[in-house]
Amino acid sequence: MNTDDAVEFVKLQIKQYTTKPLKDIQIVVLRGCLEGKYYRTIAKENGFSYHYVKEIGSEFWPILSEALGTKVIPRNIRAVIEPTFRTLTVTHQKKPPK
């Protein structure tokens, strides 16, 4: 799963769970964490303060955890979403043609 696929997957899961789209800053934090970056690096590369990025992350991870039904933190994001993504992708590919 590449980073773009992971971001799109998470955006869909959050929208289905909250009925609200992700904010741009949430996507920045998500993408950075998917790329293995720390909050300080994400903040510096995107022109935000470290504290703001940390605050966004601390609000975002519990929402994503609820949406996925398992605890998500910046360091386990790929390990949590990849199996679900693969399962959904395989299930979608196995649907019989109409």
C-alpha atoms as a PDB file:
ATOM      1  CA  MET A   1       0.000   0.000   0.000  1.00  0.00           C
ATOM      2  CA  ASN A   2       1.475   3.323  -0.985  1.00  0.00           C
ATOM      3  CA  THR A   3       0.959   6.520   0.983  1.00  0.00           C
ATOM      4  CA  ASP A   4      -1.664   7.919  -1.401  1.00  0.00           C
ATOM      5  CA  ASP A   5      -3.742   4.721  -1.138  1.00  0.00           C
ATOM      6  CA  ALA A   6      -3.433   4.809   2.646  1.00  0.00           C
ATOM      7  CA  VAL A   7      -4.531   8.450   2.832  1.00  0.00           C
ATOM      8  CA  GLU A   8      -7.535   7.805   0.582  1.00  0.00           C
ATOM      9  CA  PHE A   9      -8.482   4.739   2.626  1.00  0.00           C
ATOM     10  CA  VAL A  10      -8.334   6.685   5.896  1.00  0.00           C
ATOM     11  CA  LYS A  11     -10.252   9.613   4.394  1.00  0.00           C
ATOM     12  CA  LEU A  12     -13.026   7.223   3.379  1.00  0.00           C
ATOM     13  CA  GLN A  13     -13.110   5.495   6.771  1.00  0.00           C
ATOM     14  CA  ILE A  14     -13.307   8.812   8.632  1.00  0.00           C
ATOM     15  CA  LYS A  15     -15.981  10.200   6.316  1.00  0.00           C
ATOM     16  CA  GLN A  16     -18.097   7.065   6.761  1.00  0.00           C
ATOM     17  CA  TYR A  17     -17.636   7.161  10.547  1.00  0.00           C
ATOM     18  CA  THR A  18     -18.058  10.896  11.206  1.00  0.00           C
ATOM     19  CA  THR A  19     -19.823  12.024   7.998  1.00  0.00           C
ATOM     20  CA  LYS A  20     -17.222  14.814   7.884  1.00  0.00           C
ATOM     21  CA  PRO A  21     -14.217  14.987   5.568  1.00  0.00           C
ATOM     22  CA  LEU A  22     -10.718  15.244   6.969  1.00  0.00           C
ATOM     23  CA  LYS A  23      -9.292  18.724   7.344  1.00  0.00           C
ATOM     24  CA  ASP A  24      -6.203  19.583   5.312  1.00  0.00           C
ATOM     25  CA  ILE A  25      -4.030  19.720   8.438  1.00  0.00           C
ATOM     26  CA  GLN A  26      -5.244  16.253   9.471  1.00  0.00           C
ATOM     27  CA  ILE A  27      -4.217  14.948   6.061  1.00  0.00           C
ATOM     28  CA  VAL A  28      -0.795  16.591   6.437  1.00  0.00           C
ATOM     29  CA  VAL A  29      -0.299  14.899   9.814  1.00  0.00           C
ATOM     30  CA  LEU A  30      -1.625  11.558   8.537  1.00  0.00           C
ATOM     31  CA  ARG A  31       0.582  11.616   5.437  1.00  0.00           C
ATOM     32  CA  GLY A  32       3.648  12.558   7.455  1.00  0.00           C
ATOM     33  CA  CYS A  33       3.078   9.752   9.954  1.00  0.00           C
ATOM     34  CA  LEU A  34       2.475   7.263   7.141  1.00  0.00           C
ATOM     35  CA  GLU A  35       5.860   8.321   5.782  1.00  0.00           C
ATOM     36  CA  GLY A  36       7.454   7.636   9.160  1.00  0.00           C
ATOM     37  CA  LYS A  37       8.017  11.276  10.067  1.00  0.00           C
ATOM     38  CA  TYR A  38       7.837  12.722  13.560  1.00  0.00           C
ATOM     39  CA  TYR A  39       5.621  15.666  14.500  1.00  0.00           C
ATOM     40  CA  ARG A  40       8.607  18.047  14.600  1.00  0.00           C
ATOM     41  CA  THR A  41       9.551  17.159  11.037  1.00  0.00           C
ATOM     42  CA  ILE A  42       5.960  17.388   9.814  1.00  0.00           C
ATOM     43  CA  ALA A  43       5.618  20.796  11.452  1.00  0.00           C
ATOM     44  CA  LYS A  44       8.878  22.119  10.035  1.00  0.00           C
ATOM     45  CA  GLU A  45       8.252  20.853   6.492  1.00  0.00           C
ATOM     46  CA  ASN A  46       4.744  22.316   6.397  1.00  0.00           C
ATOM     47  CA  GLY A  47       5.201  25.611   8.217  1.00  0.00           C
ATOM     48  CA  PHE A  48       3.312  24.746  11.397  1.00  0.00           C
ATOM     49  CA  SER A  49       4.375  24.798  15.013  1.00  0.00           C
ATOM     50  CA  TYR A  50       5.256  21.514  16.652  1.00  0.00           C
ATOM     51  CA  HIS A  51       2.592  22.070  19.315  1.00  0.00           C
ATOM     52  CA  TYR A  52      -0.126  22.625  16.704  1.00  0.00           C
ATOM     53  CA  VAL A  53       0.776  19.439  14.826  1.00  0.00           C
ATOM     54  CA  LYS A  54       0.900  17.508  18.100  1.00  0.00           C
ATOM     55  CA  GLU A  55      -2.532  18.872  19.079  1.00  0.00           C
ATOM     56  CA  ILE A  56      -4.029  17.891  15.723  1.00  0.00           C
ATOM     57  CA  GLY A  57      -2.552  14.408  16.067  1.00  0.00           C
ATOM     58  CA  SER A  58      -3.830  13.983  19.610  1.00  0.00           C
ATOM     59  CA  GLU A  59      -7.342  14.830  18.427  1.00  0.00           C
ATOM     60  CA  PHE A  60      -7.131  12.764  15.225  1.00  0.00           C
ATOM     61  CA  TRP A  61      -5.807   9.378  16.431  1.00  0.00           C
ATOM     62  CA  PRO A  62      -8.713   8.671  18.833  1.00  0.00           C
ATOM     63  CA  ILE A  63     -11.232   9.395  16.048  1.00  0.00           C
ATOM     64  CA  LEU A  64      -9.411   7.088  13.643  1.00  0.00           C
ATOM     65  CA  SER A  65      -9.121   4.454  16.383  1.00  0.00           C
ATOM     66  CA  GLU A  66     -12.886   4.528  16.912  1.00  0.00           C
ATOM     67  CA  ALA A  67     -13.551   4.400  13.171  1.00  0.00           C
ATOM     68  CA  LEU A  68     -11.311   1.350  12.717  1.00  0.00           C
ATOM     69  CA  GLY A  69     -12.159  -0.351  16.000  1.00  0.00           C
ATOM     70  CA  THR A  70      -8.544  -0.611  17.155  1.00  0.00           C
ATOM     71  CA  LYS A  71      -6.034   1.742  18.763  1.00  0.00           C
ATOM     72  CA  VAL A  72      -4.101   3.778  16.221  1.00  0.00           C
ATOM     73  CA  ILE A  73      -1.021   5.830  17.022  1.00  0.00           C
ATOM     74  CA  PRO A  74       1.494   7.473  14.691  1.00  0.00           C
ATOM     75  CA  ARG A  75       3.928   4.549  14.882  1.00  0.00           C
ATOM     76  CA  ASN A  76       1.409   1.763  14.185  1.00  0.00           C
ATOM     77  CA  ILE A  77      -0.736   3.421  11.510  1.00  0.00           C
ATOM     78  CA  ARG A  78       0.472   1.224   8.645  1.00  0.00           C
ATOM     79  CA  ALA A  79       0.326  -1.964  10.692  1.00  0.00           C
ATOM     80  CA  VAL A  80      -3.293  -1.204  11.580  1.00  0.00           C
ATOM     81  CA  ILE A  81      -4.665  -0.094   8.230  1.00  0.00           C
ATOM     82  CA  GLU A  82      -2.805  -2.343   5.786  1.00  0.00           C
ATOM     83  CA  PRO A  83      -4.565  -5.613   6.760  1.00  0.00           C
ATOM     84  CA  THR A  84      -7.982  -3.939   6.589  1.00  0.00           C
ATOM     85  CA  PHE A  85      -7.129  -2.313   3.267  1.00  0.00           C
ATOM     86  CA  ARG A  86      -5.916  -5.639   1.824  1.00  0.00           C
ATOM     87  CA  THR A  87      -9.029  -7.458   3.035  1.00  0.00           C
ATOM     88  CA  LEU A  88     -11.351  -4.875   1.513  1.00  0.00           C
ATOM     89  CA  THR A  89      -9.369  -4.802  -1.731  1.00  0.00           C
ATOM     90  CA  VAL A  90      -9.465  -8.598  -2.082  1.00  0.00           C
ATOM     91  CA  THR A  91     -13.176  -8.702  -1.196  1.00  0.00           C
ATOM     92  CA  HIS A  92     -13.909  -5.990  -3.743  1.00  0.00           C
ATOM     93  CA  GLN A  93     -11.940  -7.808  -6.452  1.00  0.00           C
ATOM     94  CA  LYS A  94     -13.759 -11.102  -5.814  1.00  0.00           C
ATOM     95  CA  LYS A  95     -17.262  -9.695  -6.386  1.00  0.00           C
ATOM     96  CA  PRO A  96     -18.933 -11.527  -9.262  1.00  0.00           C
ATOM     97  CA  PRO A  97     -19.690  -9.520 -12.391  1.00  0.00           C
ATOM     98  CA  LYS A  98     -23.261  -8.330 -12.863  1.00  0.00           C
END
